[in-house]
């Protein structure tokens, strides 16, 4: 089993920043990729950013230039630095860990951008 602990969500004003963290523990040998997804009310869950074990990254078009994903392999932790947040970024953000044979999801952390 793999446990994922997400942190860093909260309420911010437009233009401000947040940093999300997701730490993986348990049977985590062979993590292939880690990533962040988000789901706003009434919408489907969507990819925000993803990083592989070789540090290859991919981003959704709507966050390019504003968000940065990074990973600490030694700590099995993935980060999402979110800058220039706007109201459309309001959602529950979920961490996803991809092993060779299984995928695990975190419980999510709420990000609310409002003035």
Protein backbone atom coordinates (compact mmCIF):
# COMPACT_ATOMS: atom_id res chain seq x y z
CA UNK A 1 0.00 0.00 0.00
CA UNK A 2 0.98 3.58 -0.62
CA UNK A 3 -0.03 6.53 1.52
CA UNK A 4 -0.10 10.04 0.10
CA UNK A 5 -0.19 13.11 2.33
CA UNK A 6 -1.02 16.36 0.59
CA UNK A 7 -0.58 19.79 2.10
CA UNK A 8 -0.38 23.44 1.16
CA UNK A 9 -3.88 24.27 0.00
CA UNK A 10 -5.82 27.24 1.26
CA UNK A 11 -7.55 30.50 0.49
CA UNK A 12 -5.62 33.16 -1.40
CA UNK A 13 -6.40 36.31 -3.34
CA UNK A 14 -6.01 36.59 -7.11
CA UNK A 15 -2.38 37.05 -8.11
CA UNK A 16 -1.02 35.32 -5.03
CA UNK A 17 0.92 32.05 -4.78
CA UNK A 18 0.64 28.69 -3.09
CA UNK A 19 2.91 25.68 -2.90
CA UNK A 20 1.39 22.22 -2.69
CA UNK A 21 3.29 19.21 -1.39
CA UNK A 22 2.55 15.52 -1.62
CA UNK A 23 4.64 13.00 0.31
CA UNK A 24 4.42 9.32 -0.54
CA UNK A 25 5.17 6.53 1.92
CA UNK A 26 4.67 2.79 2.15
CA UNK A 27 5.35 0.30 -0.64
CA UNK A 28 6.72 2.88 -3.02
CA UNK A 29 9.44 1.05 -4.85
CA UNK A 30 9.45 1.91 -8.50
CA UNK A 31 7.62 5.21 -8.66
CA UNK A 32 7.42 6.07 -12.34
CA UNK A 33 5.69 9.41 -12.20
CA UNK A 34 4.02 11.80 -9.80
CA UNK A 35 1.56 14.48 -10.67
CA UNK A 36 -1.16 16.90 -9.73
CA UNK A 37 -4.72 16.90 -11.00
CA UNK A 38 -7.59 19.14 -10.09
CA UNK A 39 -11.35 19.01 -10.04
CA UNK A 40 -13.64 21.99 -9.80
CA UNK A 41 -17.34 21.60 -8.91
CA UNK A 42 -19.27 20.25 -11.89
CA UNK A 43 -16.10 19.53 -13.85
CA UNK A 44 -14.12 16.40 -14.54
CA UNK A 45 -10.76 15.82 -12.93
CA UNK A 46 -8.02 17.19 -15.16
CA UNK A 47 -4.27 17.03 -15.37
CA UNK A 48 -2.40 20.04 -14.02
CA UNK A 49 1.20 18.86 -14.17
CA UNK A 50 3.15 15.62 -14.14
CA UNK A 51 6.80 14.70 -13.60
CA UNK A 52 8.49 11.39 -14.28
CA UNK A 53 11.35 9.75 -12.43
CA UNK A 54 13.70 11.13 -15.07
CA UNK A 55 12.37 14.64 -14.40
CA UNK A 56 10.46 14.93 -17.64
CA UNK A 57 7.57 17.31 -17.08
CA UNK A 58 4.26 18.03 -18.73
CA UNK A 59 1.77 20.79 -18.04
CA UNK A 60 -1.77 21.64 -18.92
CA UNK A 61 -1.93 24.63 -21.23
CA UNK A 62 -3.86 26.66 -18.70
CA UNK A 63 -0.99 26.60 -16.18
CA UNK A 64 2.04 26.95 -18.42
CA UNK A 65 4.25 29.76 -17.23
CA UNK A 66 2.46 30.02 -13.90
CA UNK A 67 2.87 26.63 -12.22
CA UNK A 68 6.02 24.60 -11.72
CA UNK A 69 6.16 20.95 -10.70
CA UNK A 70 9.22 19.51 -8.99
CA UNK A 71 10.16 16.34 -7.24
CA UNK A 72 12.45 15.21 -4.45
CA UNK A 73 13.14 11.56 -5.20
CA UNK A 74 14.94 11.07 -1.90
CA UNK A 75 11.86 12.17 0.01
CA UNK A 76 9.33 10.69 -2.45
CA UNK A 77 7.70 14.09 -2.50
CA UNK A 78 6.26 16.11 -5.34
CA UNK A 79 5.66 19.85 -5.21
CA UNK A 80 3.52 22.22 -7.19
CA UNK A 81 4.47 25.88 -7.05
CA UNK A 82 1.47 27.89 -8.18
CA UNK A 83 1.95 31.57 -9.02
CA UNK A 84 -0.40 34.20 -10.39
CA UNK A 85 -3.42 32.30 -9.19
CA UNK A 86 -6.82 33.30 -10.46
CA UNK A 87 -10.40 32.37 -9.65
CA UNK A 88 -10.43 29.69 -12.37
CA UNK A 89 -7.75 27.82 -10.44
CA UNK A 90 -10.19 27.19 -7.60
CA UNK A 91 -10.54 23.43 -7.24
CA UNK A 92 -9.61 20.42 -5.18
CA UNK A 93 -6.08 19.43 -6.12
CA UNK A 94 -5.19 15.75 -6.05
CA UNK A 95 -1.80 14.11 -5.98
CA UNK A 96 -1.31 11.03 -8.14
CA UNK A 97 1.53 8.52 -7.91
CA UNK A 98 2.14 6.06 -10.71
CA UNK A 99 3.96 2.85 -9.92
CA UNK A 100 4.76 0.24 -12.52
CA UNK A 101 1.58 -1.73 -11.87
CA UNK A 102 -0.60 0.54 -9.75
CA UNK A 103 -1.77 4.12 -9.43
CA UNK A 104 -2.58 5.86 -6.16
CA UNK A 105 -4.48 9.05 -5.48
CA UNK A 106 -4.34 11.39 -2.53
CA UNK A 107 -7.47 12.64 -0.80
CA UNK A 108 -7.11 16.12 -2.22
CA UNK A 109 -6.44 19.59 -0.89
CA UNK A 110 -8.72 22.56 -1.49
CA UNK A 111 -7.37 25.63 -3.27
CA UNK A 112 -9.65 28.65 -3.29
CA UNK A 113 -8.77 31.86 -5.08
CA UNK A 114 -11.07 34.70 -4.17
CA UNK A 115 -10.95 38.38 -3.37
